[in-house]
Amino acid sequence: MAAAYEDRYWTSSDGLTLHYRNYPGPEATAKLPVLCMHGLTRNARDFGALAEALCTTRRVIVTEMRGRGMSDYAKDSDTYSPLTYVGDVEKLLAEQGIERFAVVGTSMGGLMTMLMAAAKPGRMSAVVMNDIGPEVEAAGLARISGYVGQGRSYPTWVHAARGLAEAHGAAFPGYDLDQWLEMAKRTMVVSQNGRIVFDYDMAIAEPFAKPGNAAPPNLWLAFEALTGVPMLLVRGGLSDLLTADTVKQMGARNPKMTTVTVPDVGHAPTLDEPEARAAILALLDAAE
């Protein structure tokens, strides 16, 4: 069976070759394309199942940020920042002639969504924010800082799955070994020496540790650029990055926001959960 996507590339303003998955969708569709943007240590595989569901009716573009997956690693680690990622994605959108689109942003991808909306309001037909908001909890950032860039490797996929379970079991307490194996294959690859390693440049940890880089300041102002845009906020019931109070404030500022809470999951839901998937499809269908 042929893949639902094509591997494509574009070039950043500083000369990096960056990768994206292009899911063409039906030729005659009038529906707007969907842009999917992953989290800090993730890659295009994170949206595999969701993109296949969405591309039955529309084009889907899943970007891989610099330093992840099949995209080049940056020469300067300081460019591993949300503002740089936004610049990279904007260059791709301009090259593709995409002026209006929907967005699905997980964690860092959601931060990018807000920055993009603030820079050029009115382009987004609908937005899915996955377990992220204008206020990011310090406890969650500290937890991420504790594992990002550690460079661990494993001899087998089962060892990798068990390593993930040990590190992230609190966020996914109901996962069994098969689910951890699936998570491992989303986030890791077999390296040249045969060891299984995380599929990102360990240098992304360097700027993440600097003030204002993990979560840019004044994001409430950026979020307000999305006022009136149909929005779905997916929150993990066990999230340590997005509080119920922040969710309440977001809803007050954007009356067109609905919320789905995925129970017994922390940061971040995979978006393959039935309640999340149904809500995403409903949002996009209603926003056309």
Protein backbone atom coordinates (compact mmCIF):
# COMPACT_ATOMS: atom_id res chain seq x y z
CA MET A 1 0.00 0.00 0.00
CA ALA A 2 1.38 3.39 -1.02
CA ALA A 3 2.11 5.94 1.69
CA ALA A 4 -0.50 8.65 2.12
CA TYR A 5 2.23 11.30 2.08
CA GLU A 6 5.22 12.50 0.09
CA ASP A 7 8.52 13.50 1.70
CA ARG A 8 9.27 17.05 0.62
CA TYR A 9 11.87 19.66 1.53
CA TRP A 10 12.38 23.40 1.69
CA THR A 11 15.37 25.60 2.49
CA SER A 12 15.56 27.90 5.51
CA SER A 13 16.84 31.46 5.25
CA ASP A 14 20.15 30.30 6.78
CA GLY A 15 20.59 27.46 4.31
CA LEU A 16 19.27 24.39 6.15
CA THR A 17 17.37 21.72 4.26
CA LEU A 18 14.14 21.15 6.18
CA HIS A 19 11.70 18.26 5.76
CA TYR A 20 7.93 18.08 5.71
CA ARG A 21 5.37 15.42 4.98
CA ASN A 22 2.89 16.46 2.32
CA TYR A 23 -0.45 14.64 2.40
CA PRO A 24 -2.03 15.85 -0.88
CA GLY A 25 -5.67 15.05 -0.10
CA PRO A 26 -8.34 14.82 -2.81
CA GLU A 27 -7.53 16.73 -6.00
CA ALA A 28 -10.89 18.50 -6.21
CA THR A 29 -11.23 19.50 -2.55
CA ALA A 30 -12.19 23.06 -1.69
CA LYS A 31 -11.27 22.59 1.95
CA LEU A 32 -8.42 24.64 3.39
CA PRO A 33 -5.13 22.88 4.13
CA VAL A 34 -4.10 21.92 7.66
CA LEU A 35 -0.66 22.72 9.04
CA CYS A 36 0.55 20.38 11.82
CA MET A 37 3.44 21.47 14.07
CA HIS A 38 5.03 19.16 16.64
CA GLY A 39 6.43 19.61 20.13
CA LEU A 40 9.98 20.21 21.38
CA THR A 41 11.48 16.72 21.03
CA ARG A 42 9.04 15.34 18.47
CA ASN A 43 8.91 15.04 14.68
CA ALA A 44 6.53 14.48 11.77
CA ARG A 45 5.72 10.92 12.87
CA ASP A 46 3.82 12.40 15.81
CA PHE A 47 0.91 13.25 13.49
CA GLY A 48 0.96 10.07 11.39
CA ALA A 49 -2.47 8.69 12.26
CA LEU A 50 -4.17 12.08 12.55
CA ALA A 51 -2.81 13.28 9.19
CA GLU A 52 -4.02 10.12 7.48
CA ALA A 53 -7.51 10.75 8.86
CA LEU A 54 -7.52 14.42 7.83
CA CYS A 55 -6.11 13.93 4.33
CA THR A 56 -9.18 12.05 3.19
CA THR A 57 -10.83 15.45 2.71
CA ARG A 58 -8.01 18.05 2.55
CA ARG A 59 -4.30 18.66 2.15
CA VAL A 60 -2.19 18.22 5.29
CA ILE A 61 1.33 19.59 5.77
CA VAL A 62 3.35 18.22 8.68
CA THR A 63 6.54 20.19 9.23
CA GLU A 64 9.69 18.89 10.89
CA MET A 65 11.51 21.70 12.64
CA ARG A 66 15.24 22.15 12.29
CA GLY A 67 17.15 19.63 14.37
CA ARG A 68 14.41 16.99 14.24
CA GLY A 69 13.77 13.93 12.12
CA MET A 70 14.84 14.34 8.50
CA SER A 71 15.52 18.09 8.80
CA ASP A 72 19.09 19.37 9.02
CA TYR A 73 20.61 20.09 12.39
CA ALA A 74 21.36 23.77 12.95
CA LYS A 75 24.91 25.05 12.76
CA ASP A 76 24.14 27.52 15.58
CA SER A 77 22.20 26.06 18.52
CA ASP A 78 20.85 29.52 19.37
CA THR A 79 18.56 29.17 16.34
CA TYR A 80 16.65 26.44 18.15
CA SER A 81 14.00 28.90 19.26
CA PRO A 82 10.26 29.37 18.57
CA LEU A 83 10.80 32.60 16.65
CA THR A 84 13.28 30.92 14.31
CA TYR A 85 10.96 27.96 13.80
CA VAL A 86 8.17 30.37 12.93
CA GLY A 87 10.39 32.03 10.34
CA ASP A 88 11.17 28.64 8.83
CA VAL A 89 7.49 27.69 8.57
CA GLU A 90 6.51 31.08 7.16
CA LYS A 91 9.05 30.60 4.38
CA LEU A 92 7.46 27.25 3.49
CA LEU A 93 3.93 28.72 3.49
CA ALA A 94 5.06 31.54 1.22
CA GLU A 95 6.72 29.13 -1.20
CA GLN A 96 3.58 27.00 -1.32
CA GLY A 97 1.33 30.03 -1.82
CA ILE A 98 -0.73 29.16 1.25
CA GLU A 99 -2.48 32.24 2.58
CA ARG A 100 -5.27 30.73 4.69
CA PHE A 101 -5.14 27.47 6.61
CA ALA A 102 -6.05 25.59 9.78
CA VAL A 103 -3.44 24.66 12.38
CA VAL A 104 -2.84 21.79 14.79
CA GLY A 105 -0.08 22.69 17.25
CA THR A 106 1.22 20.38 19.96
CA SER A 107 3.05 22.06 22.87
CA MET A 108 5.86 24.02 21.16
CA GLY A 109 3.80 23.90 17.97
CA GLY A 110 1.02 25.67 19.86
CA LEU A 111 3.42 28.39 20.99
CA MET A 112 4.40 28.83 17.35
CA THR A 113 0.73 29.05 16.40
CA MET A 114 0.19 31.99 18.74
CA LEU A 115 3.31 33.77 17.47
CA MET A 116 2.22 33.27 13.85
CA ALA A 117 -1.27 34.58 14.60
CA ALA A 118 0.14 37.68 16.30
CA ALA A 119 2.46 38.41 13.37
CA LYS A 120 -0.23 37.99 10.70
CA PRO A 121 -3.76 37.89 12.16
CA GLY A 122 -6.74 36.59 10.24
CA ARG A 123 -5.08 33.76 8.30
CA MET A 124 -6.19 30.83 10.43
CA SER A 125 -9.60 29.29 9.79
CA ALA A 126 -9.41 27.06 12.87
CA VAL A 127 -6.83 26.16 15.52
CA VAL A 128 -6.20 23.08 17.64
CA MET A 129 -3.96 23.77 20.64
CA ASN A 130 -2.66 20.56 22.19
CA ASP A 131 -1.93 20.93 25.91
CA ILE A 132 -0.46 24.41 25.69
CA GLY A 133 -1.56 27.97 26.39
CA PRO A 134 -0.24 31.49 26.95
CA GLU A 135 0.91 30.55 30.47
CA VAL A 136 3.28 27.61 30.77
CA GLU A 137 3.78 26.16 34.23
CA ALA A 138 7.29 26.27 35.68
CA ALA A 139 6.96 22.75 37.10
CA GLY A 140 6.30 21.34 33.64
CA LEU A 141 9.21 23.24 32.12
CA ALA A 142 11.49 21.97 34.89
CA ARG A 143 10.41 18.39 34.18
CA ILE A 144 11.16 18.81 30.47
CA SER A 145 14.55 20.36 31.27
CA GLY A 146 15.34 17.24 33.25
CA TYR A 147 15.25 14.96 30.22
CA VAL A 148 15.71 17.02 27.04
CA GLY A 149 19.18 16.67 25.50
CA GLN A 150 20.26 13.76 27.71
CA GLY A 151 21.33 11.64 24.74
CA ARG A 152 20.37 8.23 26.12
CA SER A 153 20.57 5.20 23.81
CA TYR A 154 19.20 1.66 23.99
CA PRO A 155 20.18 -1.73 22.52
CA THR A 156 16.63 -2.82 21.54
CA TRP A 157 13.19 -1.32 21.03
CA VAL A 158 11.94 -3.05 24.17
CA HIS A 159 14.72 -1.41 26.19
CA ALA A 160 13.79 1.94 24.60
CA ALA A 161 10.13 1.44 25.46
CA ARG A 162 10.96 0.61 29.06
CA GLY A 163 13.23 3.66 29.25
CA LEU A 164 10.35 5.87 28.11
CA ALA A 165 8.02 4.23 30.61
CA GLU A 166 10.47 4.95 33.42
CA ALA A 167 10.89 8.59 32.38
CA HIS A 168 7.28 9.41 31.44
CA GLY A 169 5.14 6.86 33.24
CA ALA A 170 3.52 9.55 35.40
CA ALA A 171 2.12 11.24 32.27
CA PHE A 172 0.75 8.01 30.77
CA PRO A 173 -0.05 5.76 33.73
CA GLY A 174 -2.35 3.49 31.74
CA TYR A 175 0.11 2.65 28.96
CA ASP A 176 1.12 -0.97 28.39
CA LEU A 177 4.33 -2.18 26.74
CA ASP A 178 2.83 -2.10 23.23
CA GLN A 179 1.89 1.56 23.65
CA TRP A 180 5.35 2.43 24.94
CA LEU A 181 6.83 0.62 21.94
CA GLU A 182 4.67 2.73 19.66
CA MET A 183 5.81 5.87 21.47
CA ALA A 184 9.44 4.80 21.13
CA LYS A 185 9.07 4.37 17.37
CA ARG A 186 7.49 7.83 17.12
CA THR A 187 10.34 9.52 18.93
CA MET A 188 13.47 7.42 18.22
CA VAL A 189 15.47 5.95 15.36
CA VAL A 190 18.18 3.34 14.88
CA SER A 191 21.53 5.12 14.75
CA GLN A 192 24.49 4.23 12.56
CA ASN A 193 26.03 2.14 15.32
CA GLY A 194 22.82 0.13 15.76
CA ARG A 195 21.78 1.77 19.03
CA ILE A 196 18.32 3.29 19.33
CA VAL A 197 18.49 7.03 19.98
CA PHE A 198 16.16 10.01 20.18
CA ASP A 199 15.44 11.56 16.78
CA TYR A 200 16.57 15.11 17.51
CA ASP A 201 19.72 17.17 17.96
CA MET A 202 20.71 17.10 21.63
CA ALA A 203 21.79 20.75 21.24
CA ILE A 204 18.13 21.87 21.36
CA ALA A 205 18.53 21.70 25.15
CA GLU A 206 21.01 24.60 25.18
CA PRO A 207 18.68 27.48 24.20
CA PHE A 208 15.73 25.80 25.97
CA ALA A 209 17.51 26.45 29.26
CA LYS A 210 17.80 30.19 28.58
CA PRO A 211 15.13 32.57 29.98
CA GLY A 212 12.31 33.37 27.56
CA ASN A 213 13.26 30.72 25.01
CA ALA A 214 11.19 27.75 26.17
CA ALA A 215 8.07 29.92 26.41
CA PRO A 216 8.25 33.41 24.90
CA PRO A 217 6.98 36.25 27.16
CA ASN A 218 3.70 38.15 26.75
CA LEU A 219 1.91 35.27 25.06
CA TRP A 220 -1.49 36.53 26.22
CA LEU A 221 -1.11 39.34 23.70
CA ALA A 222 -0.30 36.78 21.00
CA PHE A 223 -3.23 34.61 22.06
CA GLU A 224 -5.61 37.55 21.67
CA ALA A 225 -4.79 37.59 17.94
CA LEU A 226 -6.81 34.36 17.84
CA THR A 227 -9.92 35.92 19.39
CA GLY A 228 -12.93 34.88 17.34
CA VAL A 229 -11.07 32.03 15.60
CA PRO A 230 -12.79 28.64 16.09
CA MET A 231 -10.48 26.82 18.49
CA LEU A 232 -10.22 23.46 20.17
CA LEU A 233 -8.05 23.14 23.26
CA VAL A 234 -7.03 19.56 24.00
CA ARG A 235 -5.76 19.18 27.55
CA GLY A 236 -4.32 16.18 29.30
CA GLY A 237 -6.16 15.61 32.55
CA LEU A 238 -2.79 15.08 34.29
CA SER A 239 -0.99 17.94 32.51
CA ASP A 240 1.71 19.75 34.47
CA LEU A 241 2.16 22.38 31.73
CA LEU A 242 -1.38 23.72 31.33
CA THR A 243 -3.56 24.44 34.38
CA ALA A 244 -7.35 24.47 34.58
CA ASP A 245 -7.17 28.17 35.51
CA THR A 246 -5.28 29.01 32.31
CA VAL A 247 -7.85 27.02 30.32
CA LYS A 248 -10.63 29.07 31.94
CA GLN A 249 -8.90 32.36 31.08
CA MET A 250 -8.35 31.23 27.48
CA GLY A 251 -12.03 30.43 27.11
CA ALA A 252 -13.01 33.82 28.49
CA ARG A 253 -10.79 35.58 25.96
CA ASN A 254 -11.92 33.48 23.02
CA PRO A 255 -15.63 32.58 23.25
CA LYS A 256 -15.20 30.36 20.16
CA MET A 257 -12.93 28.00 22.07
CA THR A 258 -14.10 24.56 23.14
CA THR A 259 -12.15 22.22 25.39
CA VAL A 260 -11.65 18.47 25.46
CA THR A 261 -9.87 16.93 28.44
CA VAL A 262 -8.24 13.55 27.88
CA PRO A 263 -8.43 11.72 31.23
CA ASP A 264 -5.45 9.93 32.79
CA VAL A 265 -2.98 11.51 30.35
CA GLY A 266 -0.39 14.18 31.06
CA HIS A 267 1.66 16.25 28.63
CA ALA A 268 0.80 15.83 25.89
CA PRO A 269 -2.12 13.84 24.46
CA THR A 270 -1.21 11.99 21.27
CA LEU A 271 -4.37 13.23 19.48
CA ASP A 272 -5.11 9.61 18.61
CA GLU A 273 -7.44 9.38 21.63
CA PRO A 274 -11.06 8.92 20.43
CA GLU A 275 -12.37 12.04 22.20
CA ALA A 276 -9.57 14.21 20.83
CA ARG A 277 -9.84 12.83 17.29
CA ALA A 278 -13.63 13.31 17.13
CA ALA A 279 -13.37 16.89 18.41
CA ILE A 280 -10.64 17.79 15.89
CA LEU A 281 -12.65 16.46 12.96
CA ALA A 282 -15.76 18.28 14.15
CA LEU A 283 -13.89 21.58 14.54
CA LEU A 284 -12.36 21.45 11.08
CA ASP A 285 -15.61 20.44 9.39
CA ALA A 286 -17.53 23.24 11.10
CA ALA A 287 -14.90 25.86 10.29
CA GLU A 288 -15.06 25.44 6.50
